Structures are given as C-alpha cells and as structure tokens.
Amino acid sequence: MTFKAGLITFVGRPNAGKSTLTNAILGEKIAITSSKPQTTRRTIRGILTREHDQIVIVDTPGMHRPRTLLGQRLNSMVRETIADVDVVCLCIPADEEIGPGDRFIDNEVGTNERAKKIAVVTKSDRVKPARLAQQLTEVAALREWDAVIPVSATKGEQVAELVDVIADLLPESPKLYPDEQVTEEVTSDRIAELIREASLEEARDELPHSIIVTVDDMIERDDGLIEIFANLWVERDSQKGIVIGSGGARIRQIGQDARAEIEELVNARVHLDLRVKIAKEWQGDAKQLRRFGY
C-alpha cells in the first residue's frame, strides 16, 4: 500500500466540539477544553501516525462575530488554516440548529477548492436517533460533501470511522513528522494552556475571555521537583480580584487543579507559582497582542 499523509482541520462555531474531537482522535490531551465558548485561541497541531498514513490535525479557534482585535485575528487564523490543508472538516453539533454562523463558515470552507470536505455532526450522543437523522439530512444539504459523519468524541462513537474516512482522502505523501511526535506544541505552551483551562473553570462566567497565561520560567531541582513560574494576565484591576478570590482561595484552587494536569504531562512533581497581573484591555491592543503571540 502507498503511504498517505496530509493536513486536516476541524472548523466550526465556538464550542462545537473541535478540541474534544482532536483529543479523542489522538488519544492524548493536546488541546484544552471547556464549557466556555472560544476556549481555543491558537492553531494547535496534533499528529496521528498509523501504519499506512499520518494525519496532521490542525485544531482551530471557533469562528465568530469578532468584537475585539483578538477576535479578528483568531478568525484570520482559521481562514489561513482552511487555505493550507488537504481536508476540511466542518463541525456542527447535533443538538443545535444550523444557523447563520454555520452557513458563514461553510462558505469559508468552500474557499479552498482543492481540499476534500467532510461534515462532522458532533455531540451525537446528546440527541435521539430521529433528531440526529434530521440534523444529518440538513447538514448534507449545505453542499456536496465527500462524507457526512456523526460522532460522539466523549463516548468514542464513530471516531475511528471518521479517522479512516479522513485517511482515505489524504494525498499520497511521505511522513511529515517522526513516528513518535504527537504535537508541535512546546511544553511551556501546553502548561500555560492547562493553567488557563483551570482558570476558565474556576472563574466561571465572570471573565473567561479576559485571561491569558504566560510561563516565565521552569526550573528542575536536584530532587526532581519542577518549579514553574507563571502569570495570569487580566484586563482590569477588578478582574484581578476575581481571579485571586477571597483570601486567595480561587487562585489556590486554580493552582491545585492545574498542577494535577501538569504533573501528568511532565511526569514529575510540580511546584506552581502563580501571579495575577494586569495588561490593560489587551484583547484590543495590537502591541500587547503581539507580545502574547497573536
């Protein structure tokens, strides 16, 4: 058999299940997930290598109506990704009506004429069979797809079948990455994202889009303990108090939750030093966005 390899992407509205699906396919947590929309803020590459194919998954931020400069740049990331891949998978949740946002993204999907196109109806376990069948029919009517597949990433239903369909659509190519590589993400970036994930859950609806995390330093001590010094950036002084919490309770809980995930990632004991700082209105400030890598 000839070997196939290529880039694929999952695109869709915020909270359509793209990152959860990416992690399910890879069998490893590459992208953070949250119940909050717009959790993903970067394009993240995960690599699945099998005997006859290599699938490079580019997980993207959810496309949305931007209200900030950050939102505009996230949408631009998605457009650039769509233009660069071999297979585009449009994710539409089974439990939500197809809306203008889905149709807008479907039009963006069509801008890459050479790419194969798959419709993925996510969260299929959340609806009854009749509703799922209806959603599949409506999604199929959006355009001529190479495949339309329902999946439940949380339950693993149809995930393997989706992977096989994607692999069949890839071009013949040598491997793009070594067999053992699972992601392009560097460890410090993955740690920053795990801290942000914990802060999103703890801060709930109070400031989810205002937090960004940077890792200043990582020091491995002689006893094997890894000391990690990180900053949680917010936009206003009032938000700083929300993240810290009464008597520092919230920031301690964020550290506790994040540390458990980080220790699993680095396979070592971790001491996490978190500081909360202010980068005033950073989501709309071009200079600060560049500082944070956008």
Protein backbone atom coordinates (compact mmCIF):
# COMPACT_ATOMS: atom_id res chain seq x y z
CA MET A 1 0.00 0.00 0.00
CA THR A 2 1.12 3.54 -0.70
CA PHE A 3 1.61 5.86 2.28
CA LYS A 4 -0.70 8.85 2.72
CA ALA A 5 -0.11 11.98 4.77
CA GLY A 6 -1.53 15.46 4.98
CA LEU A 7 -3.02 18.28 6.99
CA ILE A 8 -6.64 18.32 8.07
CA THR A 9 -8.56 20.81 10.16
CA PHE A 10 -11.69 20.91 12.27
CA VAL A 11 -13.54 24.20 11.89
CA GLY A 12 -16.84 25.43 13.27
CA ARG A 13 -18.53 27.80 15.65
CA PRO A 14 -17.17 28.20 19.20
CA ASN A 15 -17.91 25.20 21.42
CA ALA A 16 -18.74 22.89 18.51
CA GLY A 17 -16.58 20.10 19.98
CA LYS A 18 -13.48 20.56 17.80
CA SER A 19 -10.86 20.31 20.54
CA THR A 20 -12.60 17.40 22.26
CA LEU A 21 -12.64 15.56 18.95
CA THR A 22 -8.97 16.33 18.33
CA ASN A 23 -8.02 14.89 21.72
CA ALA A 24 -10.21 11.82 21.18
CA ILE A 25 -8.53 11.03 17.87
CA LEU A 26 -5.03 11.49 19.23
CA GLY A 27 -5.71 9.64 22.48
CA GLU A 28 -3.91 12.43 24.31
CA LYS A 29 -4.87 15.86 25.61
CA ILE A 30 -3.30 18.26 23.15
CA ALA A 31 -5.94 20.99 23.19
CA ILE A 32 -7.62 22.30 26.33
CA THR A 33 -11.39 22.04 26.53
CA SER A 34 -14.02 23.93 28.44
CA SER A 35 -17.75 24.51 28.52
CA LYS A 36 -16.95 28.15 27.73
CA PRO A 37 -17.09 29.23 24.06
CA GLN A 38 -13.88 30.45 22.40
CA THR A 39 -11.62 28.39 24.64
CA THR A 40 -9.18 27.63 21.80
CA ARG A 41 -7.14 30.68 20.87
CA ARG A 42 -4.39 29.20 18.71
CA THR A 43 -3.98 26.74 15.90
CA ILE A 44 -2.70 23.56 17.52
CA ARG A 45 -1.18 20.70 15.55
CA GLY A 46 -1.61 17.12 16.67
CA ILE A 47 -0.14 14.17 14.79
CA LEU A 48 -1.61 10.68 14.44
CA THR A 49 0.73 8.21 12.76
CA ARG A 50 -0.54 4.79 11.70
CA GLU A 51 0.93 2.02 9.57
CA HIS A 52 -0.19 3.43 6.23
CA ASP A 53 -0.99 7.06 6.95
CA GLN A 54 -0.19 10.13 9.01
CA ILE A 55 -2.94 12.62 9.86
CA VAL A 56 -1.82 16.07 10.99
CA ILE A 57 -4.78 17.68 12.76
CA VAL A 58 -4.87 21.47 12.97
CA ASP A 59 -7.33 22.41 15.72
CA THR A 60 -8.60 25.96 15.26
CA PRO A 61 -10.40 28.63 17.27
CA GLY A 62 -14.13 28.83 16.70
CA MET A 63 -15.14 31.33 14.03
CA HIS A 64 -17.40 34.02 15.46
CA ARG A 65 -18.53 37.62 15.01
CA PRO A 66 -15.46 39.44 16.36
CA ARG A 67 -15.87 42.15 18.96
CA THR A 68 -12.15 42.73 19.56
CA LEU A 69 -8.91 42.82 17.62
CA LEU A 70 -8.12 39.43 19.14
CA GLY A 71 -11.35 38.05 17.67
CA GLN A 72 -10.42 39.38 14.24
CA ARG A 73 -7.02 37.74 14.43
CA LEU A 74 -8.47 34.41 15.58
CA ASN A 75 -10.80 34.41 12.56
CA SER A 76 -7.82 35.18 10.32
CA MET A 77 -6.01 32.15 11.81
CA VAL A 78 -8.93 29.94 10.80
CA ARG A 79 -9.01 31.32 7.24
CA GLU A 80 -5.27 30.77 6.84
CA THR A 81 -5.62 27.22 8.12
CA ILE A 82 -8.50 26.40 5.76
CA ALA A 83 -6.40 27.59 2.81
CA ASP A 84 -3.48 25.37 3.81
CA VAL A 85 -4.98 21.93 4.46
CA ASP A 86 -5.86 18.86 2.41
CA VAL A 87 -9.11 18.02 4.23
CA VAL A 88 -11.53 20.44 5.93
CA CYS A 89 -13.98 19.04 8.48
CA LEU A 90 -16.87 21.35 9.36
CA CYS A 91 -18.14 20.52 12.86
CA ILE A 92 -21.79 21.19 13.62
CA PRO A 93 -23.29 19.99 16.94
CA ALA A 94 -26.20 17.55 16.72
CA ASP A 95 -28.10 19.36 19.47
CA GLU A 96 -28.09 22.84 17.92
CA GLU A 97 -29.99 24.24 14.95
CA ILE A 98 -27.95 25.09 11.86
CA GLY A 99 -27.67 28.87 11.89
CA PRO A 100 -26.15 31.79 10.00
CA GLY A 101 -22.80 31.20 11.69
CA ASP A 102 -22.63 27.64 10.35
CA ARG A 103 -23.53 28.83 6.84
CA PHE A 104 -20.93 31.57 7.03
CA ILE A 105 -18.23 29.06 7.99
CA ASP A 106 -19.43 26.68 5.29
CA ASN A 107 -18.78 29.46 2.77
CA GLU A 108 -15.29 29.87 4.20
CA VAL A 109 -14.76 26.11 3.81
CA GLY A 110 -15.60 26.47 0.12
CA THR A 111 -12.75 28.94 -0.44
CA ASN A 112 -10.28 26.02 -0.56
CA GLU A 113 -11.47 24.39 -3.77
CA ARG A 114 -8.78 21.69 -3.79
CA ALA A 115 -9.46 20.42 -0.25
CA LYS A 116 -11.68 17.43 0.43
CA LYS A 117 -14.61 18.31 2.63
CA ILE A 118 -16.27 16.36 5.45
CA ALA A 119 -19.27 17.37 7.55
CA VAL A 120 -18.90 16.14 11.13
CA VAL A 121 -22.05 16.19 13.25
CA THR A 122 -20.60 16.31 16.76
CA LYS A 123 -22.18 15.51 20.15
CA SER A 124 -24.36 12.83 18.56
CA ASP A 125 -24.95 11.22 21.97
CA ARG A 126 -26.93 14.25 23.11
CA VAL A 127 -29.91 13.71 20.80
CA LYS A 128 -32.32 10.91 19.97
CA PRO A 129 -31.88 8.97 16.69
CA ALA A 130 -34.71 10.80 14.90
CA ARG A 131 -33.23 14.22 15.72
CA LEU A 132 -29.76 13.02 14.68
CA ALA A 133 -31.11 11.78 11.36
CA GLN A 134 -32.78 15.14 10.77
CA GLN A 135 -29.56 17.02 11.55
CA LEU A 136 -27.55 14.79 9.22
CA THR A 137 -30.03 15.47 6.42
CA GLU A 138 -29.90 19.23 6.97
CA VAL A 139 -26.10 19.28 7.16
CA ALA A 140 -25.84 17.17 4.00
CA ALA A 141 -27.92 19.78 2.17
CA LEU A 142 -25.39 22.56 2.82
CA ARG A 143 -23.09 21.44 -0.01
CA GLU A 144 -21.72 18.37 -1.79
CA TRP A 145 -19.60 16.64 0.84
CA ASP A 146 -17.05 13.88 0.46
CA ALA A 147 -18.59 12.40 3.63
CA VAL A 148 -21.10 13.23 6.36
CA ILE A 149 -20.37 11.51 9.68
CA PRO A 150 -21.95 11.72 13.16
CA VAL A 151 -19.57 11.35 16.12
CA SER A 152 -19.54 11.48 19.89
CA ALA A 153 -15.99 12.33 20.95
CA THR A 154 -16.78 11.97 24.65
CA LYS A 155 -18.09 8.41 24.16
CA GLY A 156 -15.76 7.47 21.31
CA GLU A 157 -18.62 6.70 18.95
CA GLN A 158 -17.73 6.80 15.24
CA VAL A 159 -14.33 8.40 15.99
CA ALA A 160 -12.37 5.51 14.46
CA GLU A 161 -14.65 5.55 11.43
CA LEU A 162 -14.03 9.28 10.97
CA VAL A 163 -10.28 8.73 11.13
CA ASP A 164 -10.49 6.06 8.41
CA VAL A 165 -12.52 8.34 6.15
CA ILE A 166 -10.06 11.20 6.64
CA ALA A 167 -7.11 8.91 5.88
CA ASP A 168 -8.72 7.72 2.65
CA LEU A 169 -9.00 11.32 1.47
CA LEU A 170 -5.37 12.27 2.15
CA PRO A 171 -2.89 12.58 -0.73
CA GLU A 172 -0.04 10.13 -1.25
CA SER A 173 2.90 11.54 0.65
CA PRO A 174 5.86 10.55 2.81
CA LYS A 175 5.59 11.15 6.55
CA LEU A 176 5.60 14.77 7.57
CA TYR A 177 6.69 14.13 11.17
CA PRO A 178 8.65 11.43 13.04
CA ASP A 179 6.59 8.47 14.28
CA GLU A 180 6.92 9.38 17.95
CA GLN A 181 5.85 13.03 17.62
CA VAL A 182 2.30 13.73 18.77
CA THR A 183 2.25 17.54 18.65
CA GLU A 184 4.24 20.61 17.65
CA GLU A 185 3.35 22.29 20.94
CA VAL A 186 6.27 23.03 23.24
CA THR A 187 5.88 22.00 26.87
CA SER A 188 5.75 25.55 28.26
CA ASP A 189 2.86 26.44 25.93
CA ARG A 190 0.96 23.32 26.92
CA ILE A 191 1.49 24.17 30.59
CA ALA A 192 0.23 27.73 30.04
CA GLU A 193 -2.90 26.36 28.38
CA LEU A 194 -3.55 23.92 31.24
CA ILE A 195 -3.36 26.80 33.71
CA ARG A 196 -5.77 28.82 31.56
CA GLU A 197 -8.12 25.84 31.37
CA ALA A 198 -8.20 25.63 35.17
CA SER A 199 -8.78 29.37 35.46
CA LEU A 200 -11.67 29.23 32.97
CA GLU A 201 -13.43 26.64 35.07
CA GLU A 202 -12.83 28.41 38.37
CA ALA A 203 -13.71 31.91 37.16
CA ARG A 204 -16.87 30.52 35.51
CA ASP A 205 -18.70 33.22 33.52
CA GLU A 206 -17.06 36.18 35.20
CA LEU A 207 -14.11 36.76 32.85
CA PRO A 208 -13.36 33.73 30.65
CA HIS A 209 -12.12 35.66 27.60
CA SER A 210 -10.01 38.13 29.56
CA ILE A 211 -7.46 35.64 30.89
CA ILE A 212 -4.20 34.79 29.17
CA VAL A 213 -1.33 32.85 30.73
CA THR A 214 2.41 33.09 30.19
CA VAL A 215 5.12 30.86 31.67
CA ASP A 216 8.15 32.87 32.75
CA ASP A 217 10.46 30.08 33.88
CA MET A 218 10.74 26.36 34.58
CA ILE A 219 13.45 25.08 36.91
CA GLU A 220 14.14 21.41 37.61
CA ARG A 221 15.63 20.96 41.07
CA ASP A 222 18.10 18.26 42.07
CA ASP A 223 15.33 16.30 43.82
CA GLY A 224 13.32 16.14 40.57
CA LEU A 225 10.74 18.76 41.54
CA ILE A 226 9.94 21.18 38.70
CA GLU A 227 9.29 24.76 39.74
CA ILE A 228 7.05 26.64 37.30
CA PHE A 229 6.58 30.40 37.47
CA ALA A 230 3.57 31.65 35.52
CA ASN A 231 1.50 34.80 35.16
CA LEU A 232 -2.26 35.06 34.69
CA TRP A 233 -2.97 38.27 32.81
CA VAL A 234 -6.33 40.04 33.02
CA GLU A 235 -7.53 43.35 31.56
CA ARG A 236 -8.69 45.29 34.63
CA ASP A 237 -7.96 45.60 38.33
CA SER A 238 -11.45 44.35 39.23
CA GLN A 239 -10.76 41.16 37.27
CA LYS A 240 -7.57 40.62 39.23
CA GLY A 241 -9.61 40.39 42.42
CA ILE A 242 -11.95 37.86 40.80
CA VAL A 243 -9.07 35.57 39.84
CA ILE A 244 -7.40 35.82 43.24
CA GLY A 245 -10.65 35.29 45.12
CA SER A 246 -11.46 35.90 48.76
CA GLY A 247 -8.30 35.39 50.79
CA GLY A 248 -6.60 33.93 47.70
CA ALA A 249 -8.94 30.94 47.65
CA ARG A 250 -9.61 30.96 43.92
CA ILE A 251 -6.00 31.30 42.78
CA ARG A 252 -5.05 28.44 45.12
CA GLN A 253 -7.77 26.26 43.60
CA ILE A 254 -6.64 27.15 40.08
CA GLY A 255 -3.10 26.14 41.02
CA GLN A 256 -4.28 22.88 42.56
CA ASP A 257 -6.38 21.93 39.53
CA ALA A 258 -3.69 22.89 37.02
CA ARG A 259 -0.90 21.19 38.94
CA ALA A 260 -2.59 17.79 38.70
CA GLU A 261 -2.78 18.07 34.91
CA ILE A 262 0.74 19.46 34.58
CA GLU A 263 2.27 16.70 36.68
CA GLU A 264 0.67 14.14 34.38
CA LEU A 265 2.08 15.99 31.36
CA VAL A 266 5.68 16.29 32.62
CA ASN A 267 5.64 13.07 34.65
CA ALA A 268 7.18 14.77 37.67
CA ARG A 269 6.23 16.59 40.85
CA VAL A 270 5.49 20.27 40.27
CA HIS A 271 5.53 23.43 42.36
CA LEU A 272 3.39 26.06 40.68
CA ASP A 273 3.96 29.73 41.44
CA LEU A 274 1.08 31.82 40.00
CA ARG A 275 0.92 35.60 39.88
CA VAL A 276 -2.01 37.68 38.61
CA LYS A 277 -1.08 40.74 36.56
CA ILE A 278 -2.90 43.38 34.52
CA ALA A 279 -2.43 44.01 30.79
CA LYS A 280 -4.97 46.77 30.29
CA GLU A 281 -7.56 45.93 27.58
CA TRP A 282 -5.06 43.57 25.94
CA GLN A 283 -7.62 41.99 23.59
CA GLY A 284 -7.89 45.23 21.63
CA ASP A 285 -4.26 46.37 21.86
CA ALA A 286 -2.13 45.41 18.84
CA LYS A 287 1.15 45.84 20.72
CA GLN A 288 0.08 43.61 23.60
CA LEU A 289 -1.40 41.03 21.23
CA ARG A 290 2.00 40.75 19.53
CA ARG A 291 3.59 40.37 22.94
CA PHE A 292 1.28 37.45 23.65
CA GLY A 293 1.92 35.87 20.26
CA TYR A 294 -1.13 36.98 18.25
